[in-house]
Protein backbone atom coordinates (compact mmCIF):
# COMPACT_ATOMS: atom_id res chain seq x y z
CA MET A 1 0.00 0.00 0.00
CA ALA A 2 1.37 3.42 -0.98
CA VAL A 3 1.35 6.54 1.20
CA ARG A 4 -2.15 7.84 1.74
CA THR A 5 -3.77 11.09 0.67
CA GLY A 6 -5.65 13.40 2.99
CA VAL A 7 -8.97 12.20 1.63
CA GLU A 8 -8.02 8.59 2.32
CA TYR A 9 -7.01 9.50 5.87
CA LEU A 10 -10.32 11.26 6.53
CA ASP A 11 -12.23 8.25 5.19
CA SER A 12 -10.27 5.98 7.53
CA ILE A 13 -11.38 7.79 10.72
CA ARG A 14 -15.08 7.77 9.81
CA ASP A 15 -15.96 4.70 11.87
CA ASP A 16 -17.74 3.67 15.04
CA ARG A 17 -15.13 4.99 17.49
CA LYS A 18 -16.55 6.18 20.81
CA VAL A 19 -15.41 9.81 21.07
CA PHE A 20 -17.01 12.00 23.74
CA LEU A 21 -16.75 15.79 23.73
CA ASP A 22 -18.40 17.92 26.40
CA GLY A 23 -20.58 14.98 27.38
CA ASP A 24 -21.83 14.25 23.87
CA LEU A 25 -20.94 11.34 21.60
CA VAL A 26 -19.27 12.63 18.42
CA LYS A 27 -20.60 10.60 15.54
CA ASP A 28 -18.06 11.84 12.99
CA VAL A 29 -14.87 13.66 14.03
CA THR A 30 -14.38 14.85 10.44
CA ALA A 31 -17.71 16.70 10.46
CA HIS A 32 -18.31 17.92 14.01
CA PRO A 33 -17.77 21.73 14.23
CA GLU A 34 -15.36 21.39 17.17
CA THR A 35 -13.26 18.59 15.68
CA ARG A 36 -13.45 19.12 11.91
CA ALA A 37 -10.65 21.71 11.58
CA ILE A 38 -7.87 19.63 13.09
CA ALA A 39 -8.97 16.57 11.10
CA GLU A 40 -8.53 18.66 7.96
CA THR A 41 -5.13 19.89 9.20
CA MET A 42 -4.09 16.27 9.77
CA ALA A 43 -5.31 15.42 6.27
CA SER A 44 -3.08 18.17 4.87
CA VAL A 45 -0.09 16.43 6.49
CA PHE A 46 -0.79 13.26 4.52
CA ASP A 47 -1.11 15.32 1.33
CA LEU A 48 2.37 16.75 1.89
CA GLN A 49 3.82 13.33 1.10
CA HIS A 50 2.57 13.75 -2.48
CA ARG A 51 4.08 17.20 -3.10
CA PRO A 52 6.82 16.88 -5.73
CA ASP A 53 9.16 19.23 -3.84
CA LEU A 54 8.85 17.26 -0.57
CA ARG A 55 8.37 13.68 -1.72
CA HIS A 56 12.10 12.88 -1.65
CA ILE A 57 12.25 13.74 2.07
CA LEU A 58 8.81 12.65 3.29
CA THR A 59 8.76 9.23 1.62
CA ILE A 60 11.09 6.26 1.30
CA THR A 61 11.10 3.15 -0.88
CA THR A 62 11.60 -0.11 1.02
CA ASP A 63 13.69 -3.05 -0.17
CA ASP A 64 10.41 -4.61 -1.33
CA GLY A 65 9.70 -1.60 -3.56
CA GLU A 66 6.91 -0.24 -1.37
CA VAL A 67 6.64 3.53 -0.89
CA GLN A 68 6.20 4.47 2.77
CA GLY A 69 6.22 7.62 4.84
CA SER A 70 9.73 8.53 6.04
CA GLY A 71 8.39 8.61 9.58
CA TRP A 72 8.62 4.82 9.49
CA MET A 73 12.25 4.82 8.39
CA ILE A 74 14.70 3.02 10.69
CA PRO A 75 17.81 5.25 10.45
CA LYS A 76 20.92 3.21 9.78
CA SER A 77 23.24 6.16 9.11
CA LEU A 78 23.74 9.75 10.14
CA ASP A 79 22.29 10.92 6.82
CA GLU A 80 19.10 8.96 7.47
CA LEU A 81 18.92 10.35 11.00
CA ILE A 82 19.16 13.86 9.58
CA GLN A 83 16.45 13.08 7.02
CA ARG A 84 14.26 11.87 9.86
CA ARG A 85 14.78 15.21 11.62
CA GLN A 86 13.89 17.07 8.42
CA VAL A 87 10.58 15.19 8.27
CA THR A 88 9.55 16.56 11.66
CA GLU A 89 10.73 20.06 10.75
CA ILE A 90 8.75 20.12 7.52
CA LEU A 91 5.53 18.91 9.11
CA ALA A 92 5.89 21.36 12.01
CA ARG A 93 6.53 24.29 9.68
CA GLU A 94 3.69 23.40 7.33
CA THR A 95 1.16 23.15 10.18
CA GLY A 96 2.36 26.11 12.24
CA THR A 97 3.37 23.63 15.01
CA THR A 98 -0.32 23.24 15.88
CA ILE A 99 0.00 19.44 15.79
CA THR A 100 2.28 17.85 18.39
CA ARG A 101 1.13 14.33 17.54
CA SER A 102 1.47 14.31 13.79
CA PRO A 103 1.67 10.91 12.05
CA GLU A 104 5.47 10.87 12.09
CA HIS A 105 5.52 11.39 15.87
CA GLY A 106 3.39 8.33 16.39
CA ALA A 107 5.70 6.36 14.15
CA ILE A 108 8.72 7.46 16.12
CA SER A 109 7.20 6.20 19.37
CA LEU A 110 7.06 2.73 17.83
CA LEU A 111 10.55 3.22 16.37
CA GLY A 112 11.89 3.63 19.91
CA MET A 113 10.44 0.20 20.74
CA HIS A 114 11.65 -1.43 17.53
CA GLU A 115 15.21 -2.13 18.61
CA LEU A 116 13.97 -3.08 22.09
CA ARG A 117 11.31 -5.49 20.91
CA HIS A 118 13.30 -8.50 22.14
CA ASP A 119 13.54 -6.90 25.58
CA PHE A 120 9.81 -6.21 25.66
CA ALA A 121 9.05 -9.73 24.45
CA ASN A 122 11.12 -11.04 27.39
CA GLY A 123 11.70 -14.39 25.69
CA ASP A 124 8.12 -14.77 24.41
CA GLN A 125 8.28 -15.35 20.64
CA ASP A 126 4.56 -14.67 20.29
CA ARG A 127 5.01 -11.16 21.70
CA LEU A 128 7.93 -10.57 19.36
CA ASP A 129 5.83 -11.72 16.39
CA ALA A 130 2.99 -9.45 17.54
CA PHE A 131 5.28 -6.42 17.53
CA ASP A 132 6.70 -7.24 14.11
CA GLU A 133 3.21 -7.57 12.66
CA ILE A 134 2.05 -4.29 14.24
CA TRP A 135 5.11 -2.54 12.78
CA ARG A 136 4.59 -4.11 9.36
CA ARG A 137 0.90 -3.26 9.22
CA CYS A 138 1.19 0.32 10.52
CA SER A 139 4.14 1.25 8.31
CA SER A 140 2.60 -0.34 5.23
CA GLU A 141 -0.82 1.24 5.77
CA ASP A 142 0.57 4.72 6.55
CA THR A 143 -1.23 4.67 9.87
CA ALA A 144 -2.00 7.71 12.01
CA PHE A 145 -0.46 6.35 15.20
CA VAL A 146 -0.54 7.94 18.68
CA GLN A 147 0.36 6.77 22.16
CA GLY A 148 -1.27 6.88 25.58
CA TRP A 149 1.29 6.57 28.37
CA ILE A 150 0.24 8.96 31.12
CA ASP A 151 -1.76 7.75 34.13
CA PRO A 152 -4.37 9.73 36.06
CA GLN A 153 -3.16 11.64 39.09
CA TYR A 154 -3.95 9.67 42.24
CA ASP A 155 -3.42 9.77 45.97
CA ARG A 156 0.37 9.46 46.16
CA ARG A 157 0.14 8.23 49.74
CA LYS A 158 -1.13 4.95 48.33
CA PRO A 159 1.10 2.38 46.61
CA ALA A 160 0.47 2.32 42.87
CA ALA A 161 -0.70 -1.29 43.13
CA GLN A 162 -3.61 -0.16 45.33
CA THR A 163 -4.95 2.45 42.90
CA ASP A 164 -7.30 2.26 39.91
CA LEU A 165 -4.49 2.58 37.37
CA ILE A 166 -5.13 0.48 34.27
CA ARG A 167 -4.52 -3.19 34.91
CA VAL A 168 -5.08 -6.64 33.49
CA VAL A 169 -8.11 -8.18 35.19
CA GLU A 170 -8.23 -11.38 33.18
CA LYS A 171 -5.86 -13.39 31.01
CA ASN A 172 -6.63 -16.42 28.86
CA GLY A 173 -5.42 -18.20 25.75
CA LYS A 174 -6.97 -15.61 23.44
CA GLY A 175 -5.80 -12.41 25.08
CA ILE A 176 -6.10 -10.10 28.08
CA VAL A 177 -8.94 -8.05 29.55
CA VAL A 178 -7.97 -4.57 30.78
CA ARG A 179 -9.78 -2.13 33.04
CA GLY A 180 -8.83 1.45 33.87
CA VAL A 181 -7.85 4.79 32.38
CA LYS A 182 -4.96 6.45 30.58
CA SER A 183 -5.36 10.15 31.30
CA ILE A 184 -3.68 11.78 28.29
CA ALA A 185 -3.69 10.44 24.76
CA THR A 186 -3.27 13.52 22.60
CA GLN A 187 -4.82 13.14 19.13
CA GLY A 188 -6.54 9.91 20.20
CA ALA A 189 -9.80 11.00 18.61
CA TYR A 190 -8.08 11.32 15.21
CA ALA A 191 -5.85 8.24 15.28
CA ASN A 192 -6.09 4.99 13.40
CA THR A 193 -4.09 3.06 15.98
CA ILE A 194 -3.35 3.85 19.64
CA LEU A 195 -0.36 2.44 21.51
CA VAL A 196 -1.04 2.03 25.22
CA GLY A 197 1.99 1.66 27.45
CA THR A 198 3.19 1.78 31.03
CA PHE A 199 4.83 4.93 32.34
CA PRO A 200 7.42 3.73 34.87
CA ARG A 201 6.67 4.55 38.48
CA PRO A 202 7.47 2.93 41.85
CA GLY A 203 5.18 0.28 43.25
CA LEU A 204 3.59 -1.04 40.07
CA SER A 205 2.34 -4.61 40.18
CA PRO A 206 2.95 -6.96 37.22
CA ASP A 207 -0.72 -6.78 36.21
CA GLN A 208 -0.33 -2.99 35.79
CA ILE A 209 2.49 -3.33 33.27
CA MET A 210 1.38 -3.72 29.66
CA TYR A 211 2.06 -2.48 26.13
CA PHE A 212 -0.52 -3.03 23.41
CA ALA A 213 -1.81 -1.39 20.21
CA VAL A 214 -5.50 -1.19 19.30
CA PRO A 215 -7.56 0.58 16.62
CA ALA A 216 -9.26 3.81 17.74
CA ASN A 217 -12.66 2.13 17.41
CA HIS A 218 -11.67 -0.84 19.57
CA PRO A 219 -14.65 -2.36 21.46
CA GLY A 220 -14.72 -1.45 25.14
CA MET A 221 -12.52 1.65 24.71
CA LYS A 222 -13.93 5.15 25.06
CA ILE A 223 -12.07 8.35 24.09
CA VAL A 224 -13.09 11.25 26.37
CA CYS A 225 -11.82 14.62 25.10
CA ARG A 226 -11.35 17.86 26.95
CA PRO A 227 -13.29 20.92 25.67
CA SER A 228 -12.03 22.15 22.32
CA HIS A 229 -10.11 25.41 21.93
CA SER A 230 -10.64 25.37 18.18
CA LYS A 231 -11.78 28.59 16.52
CA HIS A 232 -13.89 28.65 13.39
CA ASP A 233 -12.27 31.71 11.84
CA ARG A 234 -8.68 31.35 10.65
CA GLU A 235 -8.66 34.96 9.49
CA ASN A 236 -8.70 36.11 13.11
CA ASN A 237 -7.08 33.02 14.65
CA PRO A 238 -4.20 31.82 12.45
CA LEU A 239 -3.28 29.06 14.91
CA ALA A 240 -6.50 28.14 16.73
CA GLY A 241 -8.28 28.33 13.38
CA ARG A 242 -6.30 25.27 12.28
CA GLY A 243 -8.05 23.26 14.96
CA ASP A 244 -7.32 21.69 18.33
CA GLU A 245 -5.69 18.26 18.45
CA LEU A 246 -7.56 17.53 21.69
CA ASP A 247 -5.97 15.80 24.63
CA SER A 248 -8.12 12.88 25.70
CA MET A 249 -8.56 10.10 28.22
CA LEU A 250 -8.75 6.47 27.21
CA VAL A 251 -11.28 4.56 29.25
CA PHE A 252 -11.06 0.77 29.12
CA ASP A 253 -14.23 -0.81 30.45
CA ASP A 254 -13.19 -4.48 30.69
CA SER A 255 -11.91 -4.29 27.13
CA PHE A 256 -10.63 -7.49 25.55
CA ILE A 257 -7.22 -7.18 23.85
CA PRO A 258 -6.27 -10.12 21.57
CA TRP A 259 -2.75 -11.47 22.03
CA GLU A 260 -1.82 -10.38 18.49
CA ASN A 261 -2.20 -6.78 19.73
CA VAL A 262 -0.12 -7.26 22.89
CA ILE A 263 3.57 -6.31 22.72
CA ALA A 264 4.38 -7.00 26.37
CA GLN A 265 2.62 -7.77 29.63
CA GLY A 266 3.90 -8.42 33.11
CA ILE A 267 7.58 -7.72 32.50
CA PRO A 268 9.55 -6.94 35.70
CA PRO A 269 8.69 -3.47 37.07
CA ALA A 270 12.37 -2.50 37.32
CA ALA A 271 12.81 -3.17 33.61
CA THR A 272 10.19 -0.55 32.68
CA VAL A 273 12.46 2.29 33.81
CA ARG A 274 15.40 1.17 31.71
CA LEU A 275 13.25 0.36 28.69
CA PHE A 276 11.31 3.62 28.84
CA HIS A 277 14.50 5.65 28.98
CA ARG A 278 15.82 3.92 25.88
CA LEU A 279 12.61 3.95 23.85
CA SER A 280 11.96 7.63 24.66
CA GLN A 281 15.23 8.83 23.12
CA PHE A 282 13.62 9.12 19.70
CA LEU A 283 10.41 10.59 21.15
CA HIS A 284 12.21 13.31 23.07
CA TRP A 285 14.44 14.10 20.10
CA ASP A 286 11.27 14.60 18.05
CA VAL A 287 9.92 16.93 20.75
CA LEU A 288 13.09 19.04 20.71
CA ILE A 289 12.97 19.31 16.91
CA ARG A 290 9.42 20.64 17.08
CA GLN A 291 10.44 23.12 19.80
CA GLY A 292 13.14 24.38 17.47
CA VAL A 293 10.52 25.11 14.83
CA ARG A 294 8.37 26.90 17.41
CA ALA A 295 11.39 29.05 18.21
CA GLU A 296 11.71 29.86 14.50
CA TYR A 297 8.12 31.08 14.45
CA ILE A 298 8.61 33.22 17.56
CA LEU A 299 11.72 34.87 16.16
CA GLY A 300 10.00 35.42 12.82
CA ALA A 301 6.89 36.92 14.43
CA ALA A 302 9.01 39.19 16.64
CA SER A 303 11.05 40.40 13.65
CA ASN A 304 7.89 41.19 11.70
CA VAL A 305 6.48 43.16 14.64
CA VAL A 306 9.67 45.18 14.94
CA ASP A 307 9.80 45.85 11.20
CA SER A 308 6.15 46.95 11.11
CA LEU A 309 6.70 49.39 13.98
CA GLY A 310 10.07 50.71 12.80
CA THR A 311 11.62 50.03 16.21
CA GLY A 312 14.60 47.99 15.04
CA GLN A 313 17.22 50.58 16.03
CA ILE A 314 16.15 50.88 19.66
CA PRO A 315 18.78 49.20 21.89
CA ALA A 316 16.22 47.46 24.12
CA VAL A 317 14.49 46.05 21.04
CA LYS A 318 17.78 44.72 19.69
CA ASP A 319 18.44 43.11 23.06
CA HIS A 320 15.05 41.35 23.01
CA LEU A 321 15.62 40.06 19.48
CA ALA A 322 19.13 38.91 20.41
CA GLU A 323 17.62 36.85 23.26
CA LEU A 324 15.19 35.21 20.85
CA ILE A 325 18.04 34.47 18.43
CA ARG A 326 20.10 32.93 21.23
CA PHE A 327 17.16 30.75 22.26
CA LEU A 328 16.66 29.43 18.73
CA GLU A 329 20.34 28.83 18.07
CA THR A 330 20.85 27.10 21.42
CA ILE A 331 18.10 24.60 20.60
CA ARG A 332 19.68 24.07 17.18
CA ALA A 333 23.05 23.50 18.87
CA PHE A 334 21.57 20.80 21.10
CA LEU A 335 20.03 19.13 18.06
CA THR A 336 23.32 19.29 16.16
CA ALA A 337 25.17 17.82 19.12
CA ALA A 338 22.58 15.05 19.50
CA GLU A 339 23.11 14.04 15.89
CA THR A 340 26.89 14.53 15.83
CA LEU A 341 27.29 12.37 18.92
CA ALA A 342 24.81 9.75 17.71
CA VAL A 343 26.08 6.19 17.67
CA PRO A 344 24.63 3.09 16.02
CA SER A 345 23.10 0.55 18.34
CA SER A 346 25.56 -2.29 18.90
CA TRP A 347 22.81 -4.88 18.44
CA THR A 348 20.60 -3.42 15.68
CA GLY A 349 22.73 -0.79 13.92
CA THR A 350 19.99 1.83 14.37
CA TYR A 351 21.39 5.34 14.74
CA ARG A 352 20.06 6.91 17.93
CA PRO A 353 20.46 10.61 18.76
CA ASN A 354 22.47 11.27 21.89
CA SER A 355 20.09 11.19 24.85
CA LEU A 356 22.19 13.46 27.08
CA GLN A 357 22.07 16.32 24.58
CA ILE A 358 18.34 15.80 24.09
CA THR A 359 17.66 15.88 27.83
CA ALA A 360 19.75 19.02 28.29
CA GLY A 361 18.03 20.67 25.33
CA ARG A 362 14.52 19.83 26.52
CA THR A 363 15.32 21.17 29.98
CA TYR A 364 16.68 24.40 28.52
CA ALA A 365 13.67 24.90 26.25
CA ALA A 366 11.08 24.16 28.93
CA GLN A 367 12.68 26.58 31.37
CA ASN A 368 12.79 29.43 28.87
CA TRP A 369 9.53 29.26 26.90
CA GLN A 370 7.60 31.58 29.18
CA HIS A 371 10.35 34.19 29.00
CA MET A 372 10.42 33.99 25.19
CA HIS A 373 6.66 34.66 25.10
CA GLU A 374 7.14 37.65 27.39
CA LEU A 375 9.87 39.05 25.16
CA LEU A 376 7.58 38.72 22.14
CA GLN A 377 4.76 40.48 23.97
CA ASP A 378 7.12 43.23 25.13
CA LEU A 379 8.02 43.99 21.52
CA CYS A 380 4.32 44.43 20.70
CA GLY A 381 3.50 46.59 23.70
CA SER A 382 -0.10 47.62 24.34
CA GLY A 383 -0.84 47.30 20.63
CA LEU A 384 -1.25 43.59 21.24
CA LEU A 385 -4.47 44.28 23.16
CA MET A 386 -6.35 46.00 20.35
CA GLN A 387 -6.08 44.99 16.73
CA PRO A 388 -8.97 45.40 14.25
CA THR A 389 -10.36 42.38 12.42
CA PRO A 390 -10.83 41.91 8.66
CA ALA A 391 -14.49 42.76 9.21
CA ASP A 392 -13.49 46.07 10.79
CA TYR A 393 -11.33 46.94 7.80
CA ALA A 394 -14.19 46.06 5.48
CA ASN A 395 -16.50 48.54 7.20
CA GLU A 396 -16.51 51.75 5.14
CA GLU A 397 -17.47 53.90 8.10
CA ILE A 398 -14.48 53.05 10.31
CA SER A 399 -11.89 51.67 7.89
CA PRO A 400 -10.41 55.09 6.87
CA TRP A 401 -9.39 55.75 10.48
CA LEU A 402 -8.16 52.20 10.99
CA ASN A 403 -6.02 52.30 7.86
CA ARG A 404 -4.54 55.61 8.96
CA VAL A 405 -3.56 54.73 12.53
CA HIS A 406 -2.54 51.14 12.01
CA GLU A 407 -0.42 51.45 8.89
CA GLY A 408 2.89 49.70 9.39
CA VAL A 409 6.36 50.32 8.01
CA GLY A 410 6.31 48.35 4.77
CA PHE A 411 2.94 46.77 5.62
CA THR A 412 -0.64 47.86 5.12
CA ALA A 413 -2.73 48.46 8.23
CA GLU A 414 -4.56 45.17 7.78
CA GLU A 415 -1.29 43.28 7.29
CA ARG A 416 0.14 44.76 10.48
CA SER A 417 -2.99 43.70 12.34
CA ARG A 418 -2.57 40.17 11.02
CA ILE A 419 1.02 40.12 12.32
CA PHE A 420 -0.16 41.19 15.78
CA ARG A 421 -3.07 38.75 15.82
CA LEU A 422 -0.63 35.91 15.17
CA VAL A 423 1.38 36.99 18.23
CA TRP A 424 -1.85 37.08 20.26
CA ASP A 425 -2.68 33.55 19.15
CA MET A 426 0.86 32.40 19.94
CA THR A 427 1.06 33.86 23.45
CA ALA A 428 -2.28 34.98 24.91
CA THR A 429 -5.07 32.54 24.04
CA GLU A 430 -6.39 29.20 25.28
CA THR A 431 -4.47 27.59 22.43
CA SER A 432 -1.16 29.11 23.51
CA ALA A 433 -1.77 28.40 27.21
CA ARG A 434 -2.49 24.75 26.48
CA SER A 435 0.60 24.52 24.27
CA HIS A 436 2.78 26.04 26.99
CA ILE A 437 1.48 23.68 29.68
CA TYR A 438 1.78 20.71 27.34
CA GLU A 439 5.45 21.41 26.61
CA ARG A 440 6.24 22.00 30.30
CA PHE A 441 4.92 18.58 31.28
CA ASN A 442 5.53 16.54 28.13
CA SER A 443 6.77 13.15 29.43
CA ALA A 444 7.92 14.81 32.65
CA PRO A 445 8.11 18.30 34.25
CA TRP A 446 11.27 20.22 33.46
CA PHE A 447 12.59 19.85 37.02
CA VAL A 448 12.29 16.06 36.69
CA THR A 449 14.07 16.24 33.34
CA ARG A 450 16.81 18.27 35.01
CA THR A 451 17.15 15.59 37.68
CA GLN A 452 17.45 12.98 34.94
CA LEU A 453 20.26 15.04 33.41
CA PHE A 454 22.12 14.93 36.73
CA ASP A 455 21.55 11.20 37.20
CA ARG A 456 22.78 10.29 33.71
CA TYR A 457 25.77 12.60 33.39
CA ASP A 458 29.18 11.08 34.07
CA ARG A 459 31.01 13.83 36.01
CA GLN A 460 34.08 11.75 36.78
CA ARG A 461 36.29 13.45 34.19
CA GLU A 462 35.48 16.93 35.49
CA LYS A 463 35.94 15.86 39.13
CA MET A 464 39.37 14.46 38.39
CA LEU A 465 40.44 17.59 36.51
CA ALA A 466 39.47 19.78 39.47
CA LEU A 467 41.20 17.47 41.97
CA LYS A 468 44.41 17.64 39.93
CA LEU A 469 44.23 21.42 39.85
CA ALA A 470 43.59 21.56 43.60
CA GLY A 471 46.72 19.52 44.25
CA VAL A 472 44.92 16.51 45.69
CA ASP A 473 46.96 13.31 46.00
CA PRO A 474 46.91 11.62 42.55
CA GLN A 475 46.18 8.30 44.28
CA LYS A 476 42.94 9.77 45.55
CA ALA A 477 42.22 11.17 42.12
CA GLN A 478 42.51 7.56 40.88
CA VAL A 479 43.50 8.56 37.34
CA GLU A 480 46.48 10.19 35.68
CA LEU A 481 46.06 13.43 33.82
CA GLY A 482 46.85 11.72 30.56
CA GLN A 483 43.92 9.42 31.07
CA ILE A 484 41.63 12.40 31.49
CA GLU A 485 42.59 13.98 28.18
CA ARG A 486 40.26 12.18 25.83
CA PRO A 487 38.08 13.53 23.00
CA TRP A 488 35.14 15.56 24.19
CA GLY A 489 31.97 13.55 23.93
CA SER A 490 33.56 10.15 24.50
CA HIS A 491 32.25 10.19 28.09
CA LEU A 492 28.76 10.22 26.60
CA ASP A 493 29.13 6.80 24.96
CA ALA A 494 27.79 5.05 28.02
CA VAL A 495 24.70 7.24 27.96
CA ASN A 496 23.85 6.16 24.43
CA LYS A 497 24.50 2.50 25.24
CA SER A 498 22.56 2.48 28.51
């Protein structure tokens, strides 16, 4: 099967899935006024694969001669890793970064599991065969694939095993029966296939550890969405007008999961931490790539504001723009380092971006997003609060005054208002607030990510250097200076292999 078109994607999600929005059952997510826009935006992503100028990046041809989306590529070289990054960049730029769970992101979540499939199978050939078939089917059918990892917040005074976290309540020769909730499955309402997995936490019992993939219309599964922030007018809402991808809960009401859909179940709880760290390397790299594109948009919007106001020579304005440039280029530097220090897996040959650089980059981005929004708002000043709409400019009675007072340097009055309305949508709406919260807590809060950086960083080289300089007994330093002088980055090898 070749890569799909947008029309084919929309047809594929018109089924009997149980999607609830504001208490109502949504019969067709492609037609409902609160869900239609993002479905159409998702469809446009599939259409990009057919654009002549993008096809060479967004698609690959397998050894069997089948054309697939590049999101399903298993990178076996640095060039392929870079192409995989370009896929995410293109999709993020073409959609204004409004979609965090685009089809390629779902594919990359399964890619992280691909080289670990033997670990997840834990010696069970049937589980290994199940994964291989899920990978084959999803990659061949150009599936819109999302994941649901996050558990509901619960009374932390209780052991996890005593809570209502999703668990296996029955197991037989045909499959497992699961009961419980996954609290956040972004884009679940628009997916073809949903991967449900265990987020590692202390105290889990074996029956709470599972990884399986089911279609979005799977019997016994309900998708409960939060209220939509979608706007119906893209003229006034350039981001929210593209739709809202909708975070959702997955409710499993004694849902039967056939064994052919089960990748793992009941593996040792301690193994989930190690496996999740390794499978999330690709996921978190994808997140950082998207954040880099968001930084591009913020710098571009800020530059357009400054140009339209003619404030580019004011020292404070230059300082604000320099901060935005530094933010963008720092994220790019982390991405470059993650790729430059990538190493092929010793057991599969898959090139994995360096996890230490990704973790450091994600921490840096999460800590600074709010400040970048404030800098962008500062450059707009009070003008951000009041910008006329296209309807205002079309009104003959008021438009002469509006055109006079809002005319920009090199832009018409209406164009300047469009520039400011984009900034409003990026920094001051429900859409922007949700995006900011989402990025702060994606996978883990930034302070947890920072702790992970500390835990995984080998500081031995730096400790020994400082001990030598302090004149501490070399025997206590345990290494000779010559042993310390090794190429920068070599101390990260263990991080990539862990």
